[in-house]
Protein backbone atom coordinates (compact mmCIF):
# COMPACT_ATOMS: atom_id res chain seq x y z
CA MET A 1 -143.48 -0.58 76.66
CA PRO A 2 -143.37 1.98 73.46
CA HIS A 3 -139.69 1.46 71.62
CA PRO A 4 -137.81 4.70 71.23
CA THR A 5 -138.16 5.97 67.65
CA PHE A 6 -136.01 8.16 65.47
CA PRO A 7 -137.27 8.43 61.94
CA LEU A 8 -134.77 9.48 59.18
CA THR A 9 -138.12 10.50 57.30
CA THR A 10 -138.95 13.50 59.46
CA SER A 11 -136.40 13.98 62.05
CA PRO A 12 -134.06 16.97 61.75
CA TRP A 13 -130.36 15.24 60.93
CA ILE A 14 -129.73 16.28 58.08
CA PRO A 15 -127.40 19.65 58.37
CA VAL A 16 -128.14 22.23 55.61
CA THR A 17 -128.55 25.51 55.10
CA ASP A 18 -131.74 27.36 54.70
CA LEU A 19 -132.38 30.25 52.16
CA ASP A 20 -136.13 31.18 53.39
CA THR A 21 -134.46 31.30 56.93
CA THR A 22 -130.81 32.58 56.10
CA THR A 23 -129.70 29.86 58.98
CA HIS A 24 -128.33 27.06 59.71
CA ARG A 25 -130.79 23.47 61.03
CA GLU A 26 -131.07 19.98 60.47
CA VAL A 27 -134.05 18.85 58.09
CA GLY A 28 -134.89 14.92 57.53
CA LEU A 29 -134.84 12.80 54.68
CA THR A 30 -138.17 14.26 53.44
CA GLU A 31 -137.58 17.64 53.26
CA ALA A 32 -133.94 17.63 52.32
CA LEU A 33 -136.01 16.32 48.73
CA VAL A 34 -139.33 17.77 48.97
CA ARG A 35 -136.91 21.47 49.42
CA ALA A 36 -134.11 20.94 47.95
CA ASP A 37 -134.01 23.73 45.50
CA ARG A 38 -134.00 25.93 48.64
CA LEU A 39 -131.63 24.53 51.20
CA ILE A 40 -127.56 24.41 50.00
CA TYR A 41 -125.64 21.00 51.13
CA SER A 42 -121.78 21.88 52.03
CA ALA A 43 -119.73 19.22 51.65
CA SER A 44 -117.83 20.51 55.14
CA HIS A 45 -117.76 17.47 57.22
CA ARG A 46 -115.79 15.83 54.60
CA SER A 47 -115.86 12.44 54.49
CA GLU A 48 -119.38 12.68 56.89
CA SER A 49 -120.84 14.54 54.29
CA ILE A 50 -120.19 12.88 51.16
CA ALA A 51 -121.93 9.73 53.53
CA LEU A 52 -124.90 11.97 53.80
CA LEU A 53 -124.37 12.77 49.98
CA ARG A 54 -124.41 8.76 48.98
CA LEU A 55 -127.59 8.44 50.20
CA MET A 56 -129.99 11.64 49.32
CA ALA A 57 -128.93 10.77 45.95
CA ALA A 58 -129.73 7.29 45.96
CA ALA A 59 -133.43 7.88 48.04
CA LEU A 60 -133.77 10.52 45.14
CA ASP A 61 -133.15 7.78 42.94
CA ALA A 62 -135.26 5.81 44.38
CA ALA A 63 -138.73 8.14 44.51
CA CYS A 64 -138.64 9.41 40.94
CA GLY A 65 -134.81 9.85 39.99
CA PRO A 66 -134.30 10.97 36.29
CA ARG A 67 -134.59 7.55 34.04
CA SER A 68 -133.69 8.97 31.07
CA VAL A 69 -132.12 12.53 29.18
CA GLU A 70 -135.75 14.41 28.79
CA GLU A 71 -136.73 13.30 32.43
CA TRP A 72 -133.67 14.68 33.60
CA ASP A 73 -134.01 17.93 31.60
CA ALA A 74 -137.31 18.20 32.60
CA ALA A 75 -135.84 17.92 36.58
CA TRP A 76 -133.24 20.52 36.10
CA GLN A 77 -135.79 23.30 34.22
CA ALA A 78 -138.58 22.22 37.45
CA PRO A 79 -138.41 24.64 39.62
CA THR A 80 -138.96 21.92 41.66
CA PHE A 81 -138.19 18.13 42.65
CA ASP A 82 -141.74 16.35 42.43
CA GLY A 83 -142.47 17.31 46.07
CA GLY A 84 -146.26 14.87 45.79
CA LEU A 85 -144.00 11.48 44.52
CA ILE A 86 -141.52 11.85 47.49
CA THR A 87 -143.71 12.65 50.40
CA ALA A 88 -144.63 9.50 49.37
CA TYR A 89 -142.64 7.19 49.11
CA MET A 90 -140.83 8.54 52.05
CA ASP A 91 -144.27 7.79 53.87
CA GLN A 92 -143.93 3.98 52.34
CA TRP A 93 -140.45 3.65 53.69
CA ALA A 94 -140.56 5.14 56.09
CA PRO A 95 -141.09 2.39 59.61
CA ARG A 96 -137.24 0.83 57.40
CA LEU A 97 -135.75 4.40 57.74
CA ASP A 98 -136.30 4.25 61.41
CA LEU A 99 -132.79 4.50 63.26
CA PHE A 100 -134.26 2.38 66.34
CA HIS A 101 -137.38 0.25 64.87
CA PRO A 102 -137.21 -3.09 66.97
CA GLU A 103 -137.30 -5.46 63.89
CA HIS A 104 -135.50 -3.78 61.04
CA PRO A 105 -133.58 -0.25 62.30
CA ALA A 106 -132.71 1.83 59.36
CA PHE A 107 -129.22 0.95 57.52
CA GLN A 108 -128.73 -1.93 60.46
CA CYS A 109 -129.60 -5.76 61.09
CA GLY A 110 -132.57 -6.72 63.65
CA GLY A 111 -130.95 -9.48 64.76
CA LEU A 112 -128.28 -8.16 67.00
CA THR A 113 -128.78 -8.42 70.69
CA GLN A 114 -125.63 -8.17 71.60
CA TYR A 115 -123.73 -4.92 71.75
CA ASN A 116 -119.95 -5.60 71.44
CA ARG A 117 -118.66 -1.73 71.28
CA GLY A 118 -118.72 0.95 73.46
CA ALA A 119 -120.02 5.06 72.27
CA HIS A 120 -116.37 5.96 71.92
CA HIS A 121 -115.91 2.90 68.57
CA LEU A 122 -118.02 4.94 67.05
CA ASP A 123 -116.22 8.00 66.72
CA PRO A 124 -114.21 8.18 63.81
CA ALA A 125 -111.57 9.45 65.24
CA SER A 126 -111.72 5.56 66.61
CA LEU A 127 -109.54 4.59 63.22
CA GLY A 128 -107.14 6.55 62.98
CA GLY A 129 -105.19 6.44 66.14
CA ASP A 130 -102.99 9.25 66.70
CA SER A 131 -102.43 9.92 63.79
CA ALA A 132 -102.49 12.82 62.04
CA ASP A 133 -106.21 14.74 61.48
CA TRP A 134 -107.84 11.90 63.39
CA PHE A 135 -106.44 11.92 66.44
CA ASN A 136 -108.85 12.36 69.47
CA PRO A 137 -107.79 12.44 73.30
CA ARG A 138 -111.30 11.20 74.69
CA VAL A 139 -111.09 8.62 72.34
CA SER A 140 -107.65 7.51 73.58
CA LEU A 141 -108.90 8.06 77.52
CA ALA A 142 -112.12 6.06 76.46
CA ARG A 143 -110.54 2.71 74.78
CA ALA A 144 -107.49 2.89 77.48
CA GLY A 145 -110.47 2.66 80.46
CA VAL A 146 -109.67 6.27 82.08
CA ALA A 147 -112.59 8.22 80.97
CA ASP A 148 -116.43 6.97 79.95
CA TYR A 149 -117.01 8.43 76.03
CA PRO A 150 -120.78 10.35 75.92
CA ALA A 151 -123.36 8.95 74.82
CA TRP A 152 -124.68 9.88 71.07
CA ALA A 153 -127.80 11.96 70.37
CA PRO A 154 -130.24 10.14 67.66
CA ALA A 155 -129.22 12.52 65.19
CA GLU A 156 -125.56 12.44 65.69
CA ALA A 157 -125.55 8.41 66.07
CA ALA A 158 -127.58 8.15 62.38
CA ARG A 159 -124.72 10.42 60.64
CA LYS A 160 -121.92 8.99 62.89
CA LEU A 161 -123.94 5.08 61.40
CA LEU A 162 -123.94 6.44 57.80
CA TRP A 163 -119.60 7.01 57.93
CA LEU A 164 -119.00 3.71 59.69
CA LEU A 165 -121.24 1.70 56.89
CA SER A 166 -118.86 3.94 54.41
CA TYR A 167 -115.48 4.24 55.90
CA ASP A 168 -114.85 0.98 57.87
CA THR A 169 -110.75 -0.24 58.01
CA ALA A 170 -110.98 -3.29 56.88
CA GLY A 171 -109.02 -6.88 58.50
CA ILE A 172 -111.12 -8.89 61.38
CA LYS A 173 -114.09 -8.25 62.86
CA ARG A 174 -115.79 -10.09 65.35
CA ALA A 175 -118.26 -12.69 63.97
CA ALA A 176 -121.62 -12.46 64.80
CA PRO A 177 -123.62 -14.69 65.75
CA GLY A 178 -124.10 -18.44 63.99
CA ASP A 179 -121.76 -16.67 61.38
CA PRO A 180 -120.34 -20.25 59.52
CA LEU A 181 -117.23 -18.19 58.59
CA ALA A 182 -115.99 -17.57 62.04
CA LYS A 183 -113.29 -19.09 63.16
CA ASN A 184 -112.73 -18.60 67.24
CA GLY A 185 -114.90 -15.76 67.04
CA LYS A 186 -113.72 -13.90 64.93
CA VAL A 187 -114.40 -13.11 61.40
CA TYR A 188 -111.20 -12.35 58.67
CA GLY A 189 -110.91 -10.72 55.37
CA ALA A 190 -113.50 -7.45 55.95
CA ARG A 191 -113.02 -4.90 53.19
CA PRO A 192 -113.85 -1.24 53.36
CA GLY A 193 -117.45 0.05 52.05
CA PRO A 194 -117.69 0.89 48.13
CA ALA A 195 -117.16 4.28 49.36
CA GLY A 196 -113.61 4.01 51.36
CA ILE A 197 -112.11 2.26 47.63
CA VAL A 198 -112.25 4.39 45.19
CA THR A 199 -112.17 8.96 44.98
CA HIS A 200 -115.57 10.80 45.19
CA LEU A 201 -116.90 13.51 42.61
CA HIS A 202 -119.36 14.93 42.68
CA VAL A 203 -120.11 18.41 40.90
CA GLU A 204 -122.03 21.61 42.64
CA GLY A 205 -124.14 23.92 41.71
CA HIS A 206 -126.27 25.84 44.05
CA THR A 207 -128.63 24.45 46.15
CA LEU A 208 -128.85 21.49 46.73
CA LYS A 209 -131.30 19.82 43.95
CA ASP A 210 -128.02 20.66 42.03
CA VAL A 211 -125.97 18.85 43.48
CA LEU A 212 -128.70 16.43 43.47
CA LEU A 213 -129.29 16.31 39.70
CA LEU A 214 -125.71 16.55 38.57
CA ALA A 215 -125.19 13.65 41.22
CA LEU A 216 -127.37 11.44 39.33
CA PRO A 217 -126.71 11.06 35.49
CA PRO A 218 -130.27 9.56 33.48
CA GLN A 219 -130.50 5.99 33.74
CA PRO A 220 -132.80 2.50 33.69
CA ALA A 221 -133.38 1.45 37.73
CA ALA A 222 -135.12 -1.88 36.84
CA GLY A 223 -134.06 -4.10 39.24
CA ASP A 224 -131.93 -1.92 41.87
CA ALA A 225 -132.96 -0.99 44.76
CA PRO A 226 -131.84 1.05 48.06
CA VAL A 227 -130.80 -1.45 51.25
CA TRP A 228 -134.11 -0.62 52.90
CA GLU A 229 -136.72 -1.85 50.11
CA GLN A 230 -135.32 -4.73 50.13
CA PRO A 231 -135.08 -7.77 52.58
CA PRO A 232 -133.58 -6.95 55.70
CA PRO A 233 -129.86 -9.08 55.72
CA PRO A 234 -128.95 -11.94 58.25
CA THR A 235 -126.62 -11.97 60.36
CA ALA A 236 -124.17 -13.30 59.29
CA VAL A 237 -121.62 -12.36 56.20
CA ARG A 238 -122.66 -12.77 52.87
CA THR A 239 -120.98 -12.65 49.87
CA ARG A 240 -123.45 -10.69 47.26
CA GLU A 241 -123.31 -9.36 42.98
CA PRO A 242 -125.02 -5.22 43.04
CA ARG A 243 -128.29 -4.92 41.73
CA GLY A 244 -127.39 -1.52 40.60
CA ARG A 245 -126.72 2.01 41.74
CA GLN A 246 -128.98 2.28 44.47
CA ASP A 247 -128.47 -0.51 46.15
CA TRP A 248 -124.14 0.45 45.53
CA LEU A 249 -125.13 3.37 47.78
CA THR A 250 -126.61 2.17 50.66
CA TRP A 251 -124.45 -0.97 50.16
CA PRO A 252 -125.11 -2.64 53.99
CA THR A 253 -120.56 -3.19 54.45
CA ARG A 254 -121.00 -3.94 58.26
CA ARG A 255 -123.38 -5.58 60.97
CA VAL A 256 -124.57 -2.99 63.15
CA ARG A 257 -127.31 -2.15 65.90
CA LEU A 258 -127.59 1.09 67.59
CA CYS A 259 -128.66 0.25 71.49
CA PRO A 260 -131.93 2.13 71.58
CA PRO A 261 -131.78 4.76 74.32
CA ALA A 262 -132.74 4.24 77.58
CA GLU A 263 -136.06 5.96 79.42
CA ASP A 264 -134.47 9.05 80.44
CA GLY A 265 -133.36 9.47 76.40
CA ALA A 266 -129.50 9.36 77.11
CA GLY A 267 -128.61 8.43 73.58
CA VAL A 268 -126.77 6.00 71.91
CA ASP A 269 -124.21 4.33 74.53
CA ARG A 270 -122.94 1.25 72.48
CA PHE A 271 -123.66 -0.74 69.46
CA ALA A 272 -122.87 -4.06 67.86
CA LEU A 273 -120.50 -4.68 64.76
CA HIS A 274 -119.64 -7.31 62.58
CA ASP A 275 -118.79 -7.03 59.03
CA GLY A 276 -121.62 -7.22 56.90
CA ASP A 277 -122.14 -7.86 52.95
CA ARG A 278 -119.61 -8.47 50.71
CA ILE A 279 -118.95 -7.48 46.94
CA ALA A 280 -119.07 -10.15 44.60
CA GLY A 281 -116.55 -9.25 41.77
CA ASP A 282 -113.85 -6.64 40.72
CA ASN A 283 -114.47 -4.22 43.58
CA TRP A 284 -112.82 -1.60 41.21
CA ALA A 285 -114.85 -2.24 38.15
CA LEU A 286 -118.34 -2.23 39.61
CA ALA A 287 -117.68 0.96 41.63
CA HIS A 288 -116.54 2.46 38.16
CA THR A 289 -120.48 0.81 36.79
CA TYR A 290 -122.39 1.45 39.37
CA ASP A 291 -121.14 4.55 41.53
CA PRO A 292 -121.16 7.73 38.95
CA MET A 293 -119.52 9.84 41.59
CA THR A 294 -116.44 9.31 41.09
CA ALA A 295 -113.06 10.12 39.30
CA TRP A 296 -110.62 7.76 37.55
CA SER A 297 -107.30 7.40 35.75
CA THR A 298 -106.61 4.35 33.07
CA PRO A 299 -103.43 3.62 31.41
CA ALA A 300 -101.87 3.67 28.39
CA SER A 301 -103.23 0.33 27.46
CA GLY A 302 -106.76 0.75 28.31
CA ARG A 303 -106.83 -2.38 30.61
CA GLY A 304 -107.13 -1.44 33.90
CA ARG A 305 -108.04 1.35 36.20
CA SER A 306 -107.21 2.57 39.20
CA PRO A 307 -109.38 5.96 41.75
CA MET A 308 -108.42 9.15 40.42
CA GLN A 309 -105.67 11.11 42.87
CA PHE A 310 -106.27 14.73 43.96
CA THR A 311 -103.75 15.09 45.65
CA ASP A 312 -99.78 14.79 45.20
CA GLU A 313 -98.76 12.20 46.37
CA SER A 314 -95.99 13.51 47.97
CA LEU A 315 -97.38 16.51 50.40
CA GLY A 316 -100.98 15.07 50.75
CA GLU A 317 -101.78 18.53 49.26
CA PRO A 318 -104.88 18.75 46.64
CA LYS A 319 -103.63 20.03 43.24
CA PRO A 320 -105.87 22.68 42.11
CA TRP A 321 -106.00 21.65 38.71
CA THR A 322 -106.58 18.26 39.27
CA ALA A 323 -110.22 19.02 37.82
CA ALA A 324 -109.35 20.29 33.94
CA LEU A 325 -107.84 17.27 33.67
CA LEU A 326 -110.95 14.84 33.47
CA LEU A 327 -112.30 17.89 31.01
CA GLU A 328 -110.80 15.76 27.81
CA PRO A 329 -111.11 12.38 29.25
CA GLY A 330 -109.45 10.62 25.65
CA ALA A 331 -107.03 13.44 25.30
CA THR A 332 -103.57 11.51 27.22
CA PRO A 333 -102.24 8.61 27.14
CA ARG A 334 -103.22 7.70 30.26
CA PRO A 335 -106.37 9.65 30.54
CA GLN A 336 -108.43 10.11 33.18
CA SER A 337 -112.60 9.38 33.01
CA SER A 338 -115.73 10.68 35.44
CA THR A 339 -118.77 9.94 34.90
CA VAL A 340 -120.49 13.20 36.96
CA LEU A 341 -118.70 15.09 35.64
CA GLN A 342 -118.95 14.06 31.59
CA HIS A 343 -122.82 14.40 32.59
CA ALA A 344 -122.49 17.88 33.10
CA VAL A 345 -120.92 18.39 30.07
CA GLU A 346 -123.19 16.78 28.33
CA ALA A 347 -125.96 18.31 30.11
CA ALA A 348 -124.29 21.97 29.37
CA ALA A 349 -123.96 21.25 25.74
CA ARG A 350 -127.54 20.51 25.77
CA GLY A 351 -128.07 24.60 27.22
CA VAL A 352 -130.58 22.88 29.94
CA ILE A 353 -127.96 24.19 32.78
CA PRO A 354 -127.85 27.95 32.17
CA PRO A 355 -124.69 29.18 30.75
CA ASP A 356 -123.63 31.73 33.32
CA THR A 357 -124.28 28.50 35.84
CA PRO A 358 -120.86 28.10 37.56
CA LEU A 359 -119.78 24.50 38.53
CA ARG A 360 -117.51 23.30 40.86
CA ALA A 361 -115.55 20.06 41.42
CA VAL A 362 -115.23 18.34 44.59
CA PHE A 363 -113.40 15.76 44.95
CA SER A 364 -112.59 13.51 48.01
CA GLY A 365 -111.15 10.42 49.46
CA ILE A 366 -109.66 8.23 52.36
CA ASP A 367 -105.40 8.02 53.33
CA TRP A 368 -105.04 4.94 54.36
CA GLY A 369 -102.56 3.27 56.92
CA THR A 370 -100.88 -0.52 55.86
CA GLN A 371 -103.72 -2.81 54.86
CA ARG A 372 -106.14 0.15 54.91
CA SER A 373 -106.30 -1.02 58.78
CA VAL A 374 -106.13 2.31 60.22
CA ILE A 375 -107.29 5.82 58.43
CA SER A 376 -104.73 8.97 59.16
CA ASN A 377 -107.04 11.25 57.53
CA ASP A 378 -110.02 12.32 54.55
CA PRO A 379 -109.36 14.35 52.27
CA MET A 380 -111.14 16.75 50.08
CA ALA A 381 -110.80 20.04 47.93
CA VAL A 382 -113.35 21.91 46.23
CA MET A 383 -112.05 22.86 42.68
CA GLU A 384 -113.25 25.67 40.44
CA LEU A 385 -114.78 24.59 36.74
CA GLY A 386 -115.66 27.62 35.24
CA THR A 387 -119.51 28.09 34.42
CA ALA A 388 -122.18 26.28 31.79
CA GLY A 389 -121.04 27.82 28.47
CA GLN A 390 -116.91 27.02 28.65
CA LEU A 391 -118.10 23.21 29.91
CA ALA A 392 -120.28 22.94 26.93
CA ASP A 393 -117.02 25.04 24.62
CA PRO A 394 -115.22 22.10 23.31
CA ASP A 395 -112.43 24.36 22.75
CA GLN A 396 -113.04 26.12 25.66
CA ARG A 397 -112.79 22.41 27.55
CA GLY A 398 -109.92 22.11 26.08
CA VAL A 399 -108.06 25.23 26.75
CA MET A 400 -108.35 24.35 31.02
CA ALA A 401 -107.15 21.12 30.16
CA ALA A 402 -104.35 21.61 28.69
CA ARG A 403 -103.23 24.24 31.26
CA ALA A 404 -104.23 21.30 34.05
CA ARG A 405 -102.06 19.10 31.64
CA TYR A 406 -99.09 21.17 31.17
CA ALA A 407 -99.29 21.67 35.39
CA GLU A 408 -98.49 18.00 35.14
CA VAL A 409 -95.80 18.22 33.38
CA VAL A 410 -93.39 20.56 34.70
CA GLN A 411 -94.32 19.24 37.92
CA SER A 412 -93.00 15.61 36.69
CA HIS A 413 -90.18 16.92 34.36
CA LEU A 414 -88.95 19.31 37.37
CA ARG A 415 -88.49 15.98 39.97
CA GLN A 416 -87.56 14.02 37.09
CA ALA A 417 -84.50 16.43 35.96
CA ALA A 418 -84.07 17.04 40.28
CA ARG A 419 -83.18 12.98 40.94
CA GLU A 420 -80.57 13.56 38.16
CA ILE A 421 -78.85 16.64 38.79
CA SER A 422 -78.90 16.04 42.80
CA GLY A 423 -78.34 12.14 43.14
CA ARG A 424 -81.03 12.84 46.60
CA PRO A 425 -82.89 9.98 46.70
CA VAL A 426 -86.68 10.36 45.76
CA GLU A 427 -88.33 10.92 48.65
CA LEU A 428 -86.51 13.66 49.48
CA VAL A 429 -86.54 14.76 45.78
CA ARG A 430 -90.40 13.96 45.66
CA LYS A 431 -91.56 16.24 48.95
CA ARG A 432 -89.11 18.79 47.57
CA MET A 433 -90.12 19.19 44.76
CA THR A 434 -93.69 19.84 44.46
CA LEU A 435 -95.94 22.44 43.40
CA THR A 436 -98.05 24.20 46.02
CA ASN A 437 -99.02 27.71 46.53
CA LEU A 438 -100.78 27.56 42.85
CA ASP A 439 -104.74 27.90 43.37
CA HIS A 440 -105.49 31.56 43.58
CA ALA A 441 -103.32 31.30 40.27
CA TRP A 442 -104.95 28.49 38.28
CA GLU A 443 -108.37 29.95 39.54
CA GLY A 444 -107.15 33.58 37.80
CA THR A 445 -107.16 31.37 34.63
CA THR A 446 -110.33 29.44 34.72
CA GLY A 447 -112.52 32.21 33.82
CA PRO A 448 -114.69 33.04 31.31
CA ASP A 449 -112.68 35.76 30.20
CA CYS A 450 -109.37 33.56 30.47
CA THR A 451 -110.89 31.04 27.80
CA ARG A 452 -113.06 32.51 25.66
CA GLU A 453 -111.15 34.95 23.38
CA ALA A 454 -108.28 34.30 21.85
CA SER A 455 -106.17 37.24 22.42
CA ALA A 456 -107.37 36.90 26.16
CA ARG A 457 -106.72 33.30 26.10
CA GLU A 458 -102.74 33.77 25.49
CA ALA A 459 -102.44 36.48 28.12
CA ALA A 460 -104.18 34.08 30.62
CA SER A 461 -102.04 31.37 29.52
CA LYS A 462 -98.94 33.13 29.88
CA GLU A 463 -99.88 34.07 33.66
CA TRP A 464 -100.34 30.16 34.19
CA ARG A 465 -96.81 29.31 32.68
CA ASP A 466 -95.57 32.61 34.83
CA ALA A 467 -96.40 31.54 37.52
CA LEU A 468 -95.73 27.97 36.96
CA ARG A 469 -91.81 28.73 36.88
CA GLU A 470 -92.13 30.79 39.50
CA ALA A 471 -93.29 28.28 41.56
CA ALA A 472 -90.62 25.74 40.78
CA GLU A 473 -87.42 28.33 40.95
CA THR A 474 -88.86 28.71 44.34
CA LEU A 475 -88.27 24.92 44.99
CA ILE A 476 -85.06 25.20 43.77
CA THR A 477 -83.67 28.00 45.05
CA GLN A 478 -84.71 26.19 48.26
CA PHE A 479 -83.20 22.44 47.25
CA PRO A 480 -79.98 21.23 49.22
CA MET A 481 -77.18 21.24 46.12
CA ASN A 482 -74.80 24.40 44.79
CA PRO A 483 -75.82 27.46 43.09
CA ARG A 484 -74.11 25.62 40.24
CA LEU A 485 -76.05 23.10 40.13
CA GLN A 486 -79.47 24.82 40.52
CA ALA A 487 -78.77 26.19 37.89
CA LYS A 488 -78.40 23.96 35.92
CA LEU A 489 -81.99 22.20 37.23
CA SER A 490 -83.25 25.20 36.28
CA GLN A 491 -82.47 25.10 32.89
CA THR A 492 -83.07 20.83 32.38
CA TYR A 493 -86.71 21.10 33.93
CA MET A 494 -87.70 23.23 30.89
CA ASN A 495 -86.29 22.37 28.85
CA ALA A 496 -87.44 19.63 29.08
CA ALA A 497 -91.38 20.56 29.94
CA PRO A 498 -91.43 23.15 26.58
CA PRO A 499 -94.81 24.99 26.84
CA ALA A 500 -98.10 23.20 25.53
CA GLU A 501 -100.37 24.84 22.75
CA GLU A 502 -103.78 24.89 24.16
CA SER A 503 -106.06 22.97 20.98
CA SER A 504 -108.58 20.38 21.52
CA ARG A 505 -107.27 19.41 18.38
CA GLY A 506 -103.73 16.88 18.88
CA ALA A 507 -103.57 17.95 22.92
CA ALA A 508 -102.08 14.41 23.58
CA THR A 509 -98.80 14.65 21.67
CA ARG A 510 -98.59 18.20 22.63
CA ALA A 511 -98.71 17.31 26.27
CA GLU A 512 -96.85 14.31 26.30
CA PRO A 513 -93.13 17.23 26.41
CA ARG A 514 -89.61 15.64 24.68
CA ARG A 515 -87.60 13.90 27.75
CA PRO A 516 -83.85 15.21 29.09
CA ARG A 517 -81.25 12.53 27.83
CA ARG A 518 -80.00 10.65 29.99
CA THR A 519 -76.61 7.94 30.21
CA PRO A 520 -78.89 4.24 30.83
CA PRO A 521 -77.48 3.16 34.57
CA ALA A 522 -76.10 -0.17 34.76
CA THR A 523 -78.06 -3.33 35.57
CA ARG A 524 -78.71 -5.49 38.56
CA GLY A 525 -80.05 -8.93 37.70
CA PRO A 526 -82.32 -9.39 34.70
CA GLY A 527 -83.78 -5.58 33.25
CA ARG A 528 -83.22 -4.20 37.11
CA PRO A 529 -81.75 -0.67 36.80
CA ALA A 530 -78.69 -0.11 40.15
CA GLY A 531 -80.28 0.23 43.16
CA GLY A 532 -83.41 -2.20 41.82
CA THR A 533 -86.18 1.04 41.58
CA TYR A 534 -88.10 1.70 38.87
CA GLU A 535 -89.37 4.32 37.45
CA ALA A 536 -93.02 4.41 37.53
CA PHE A 537 -96.60 6.66 38.67
CA GLY A 538 -94.61 10.06 39.14
CA GLY A 539 -91.37 8.18 40.86
CA ARG A 540 -88.89 5.31 41.38
CA TYR A 541 -90.61 2.85 43.33
CA THR A 542 -88.81 -1.00 43.91
CA LEU A 543 -91.05 -3.30 42.72
CA SER A 544 -92.26 -4.17 46.19
CA GLN A 545 -93.01 -0.75 46.95
CA ILE A 546 -95.04 -0.97 43.42
CA SER A 547 -97.01 -3.51 44.02
CA ASN A 548 -98.10 -2.00 47.51
CA LEU A 549 -99.31 1.57 45.48
CA GLU A 550 -103.22 1.65 45.29
CA GLN A 551 -102.23 1.72 41.25
CA CYS A 552 -100.99 -1.97 41.49
CA VAL A 553 -103.60 -4.39 40.79
CA VAL A 554 -101.26 -7.80 40.89
CA SER A 555 -98.88 -9.38 43.19
CA TYR A 556 -95.46 -9.02 44.01
CA ARG A 557 -94.55 -12.01 42.27
CA THR A 558 -96.98 -11.40 38.61
CA LEU A 559 -95.19 -8.25 39.02
CA ARG A 560 -91.77 -9.34 39.04
CA ASN A 561 -92.46 -12.35 36.07
CA ARG A 562 -93.65 -9.60 33.57
CA LEU A 563 -90.24 -7.19 34.21
CA THR A 564 -88.14 -9.81 34.24
CA ASP A 565 -86.87 -9.98 30.49
CA PRO A 566 -83.95 -13.81 30.47
CA GLU A 567 -83.43 -13.42 26.64
CA HIS A 568 -82.12 -9.28 26.88
CA PRO A 569 -81.60 -8.94 31.39
CA ASP A 570 -79.62 -5.43 30.00
CA ARG A 571 -83.76 -4.40 28.76
CA GLN A 572 -84.67 -0.93 30.98
CA TRP A 573 -88.39 -0.53 31.67
CA THR A 574 -89.95 2.22 30.42
CA PRO A 575 -92.11 3.52 32.84
CA GLN A 576 -95.41 2.77 30.46
CA GLU A 577 -94.12 -0.70 30.49
CA VAL A 578 -93.66 -0.74 34.43
CA GLU A 579 -97.52 0.99 34.84
CA GLU A 580 -99.19 -1.17 32.10
CA ALA A 581 -97.36 -4.86 33.87
CA ALA A 582 -99.37 -3.42 37.32
CA THR A 583 -102.29 -2.27 36.24
CA ARG A 584 -102.98 -4.65 33.75
CA PRO A 585 -105.23 -7.95 36.41
CA ALA A 586 -103.59 -11.15 36.58
CA ALA A 587 -105.56 -13.53 33.58
CA ARG A 588 -105.20 -16.23 36.52
CA GLY A 589 -104.67 -17.29 39.60
CA ARG A 590 -104.67 -14.94 42.94
CA ARG A 591 -105.26 -11.36 41.87
CA ARG A 592 -104.65 -8.07 43.74
CA THR A 593 -107.82 -6.46 42.08
CA GLY A 594 -110.85 -4.08 43.82
CA SER A 595 -111.71 -7.31 45.61
CA ASP A 596 -108.98 -7.37 47.47
CA GLN A 597 -109.40 -3.89 48.40
């Protein structure tokens, strides 16, 4: 009996906008790459779109990816990708990219034949419980056995499969048959996939061709291979090192097998799910090495690294100036960096990208619940970067970066002054003192006319400072305290955060204004402020809370030992010292490193 087939190379399943037909439609992987110059790819489906983008980038890299700067420049200037190379490559690997191949189905484990999950488990909402945007009543009804969940059409099943491999939650999984790690039918210690532990960032031009090339800085690929070129994975969990960028972007986080549709073509109504390949080493360090589509923050010590936050930690709202912080990666005591954005800047500086080309940064991430066992949201933000001409000019990049740093400074000092003057709880201050509704004001500062000439530059800078002050004053008037203290707060935070000069030279020192003077609090125990809290990462936390932050890479015990000074029990730890203690990996013993994410 012939088996069902759904070749991802030719079957329509990737949603795009076709410039030739001006329609929204779905295409196969081959057409997506061959006609990338005539297709628009949008990340409007948030994390699902990111999973598809990572696949397309890996496929292009494997078929004809740029290995040198010269090759990259030639690919950008060419009207299309090399259709002959792409088609030949896809034809060669088409059997391994068949969603329902009987022996080695695409991104799956052909050795699994016992389907332990129903169709509703393939819905991302099944990992979100009843929280936020992830609630889906159909999933809840199916989980409770009240109603059946409809089977997935092959195209949708393929997209959801990629999403699952990228973002499945951590924790306990059912053991695959014959897995030696099984204990009572379960395996422990599963971690999310490489896409789930980072802040994703890619740069958008106009077409899908632009997006893919901007996502793939030129690099050699010796020894690297995407998952479909590798031997089929065993059913059991294994721990291994990644082979390179293509391997990382297609990492088989889980052992999955979709149950092929019946003859009536009803769709995928169940599947097998078990833990898959685990990463040997520090996950964050490896992600920084192999995944260019990421954004990072580094402590002042230069040791340790954590995913960059693009949303405010209190409200979860994107900060529209975040991308500009990456335009001068070494300009602040806590530098941020992104390989793809640096790649775009270098290409613009070489003059390869036409100077009037508008570029945008697309951020994406996952908001995790406790122990990363549940997902509460997958925020996304599109931020204007200006034109390639602006990115090519160090002075114009410096202007935008300085404005972004100034917004960070105003936010930080507004919160600090509000805590000290009002005496209100930290979490209340953070939530009520979050600068919002500044998207249009920020976009008004990114145009070429706002960064090129000195007079226009100063006018735009003043408008930005005024917008920040107006937003801050609005928050102050709405804050729960008497008018006298509100007036004091208004004066204090502005004195603490004077306008930063906008030059790419010496910007680091000017972007860090003086802190308001204050009386050191009384201590309780060695080096612990009253209440047992420490100022760090833009807020005030207990050691236990810091040890659970994303930025912290050590255990609570290590953190406590580092912040205890028996010889100076009254010592007040600075935010920089606390952050370094939390982000510097332990030299030995059990570490809370990326491999524990």
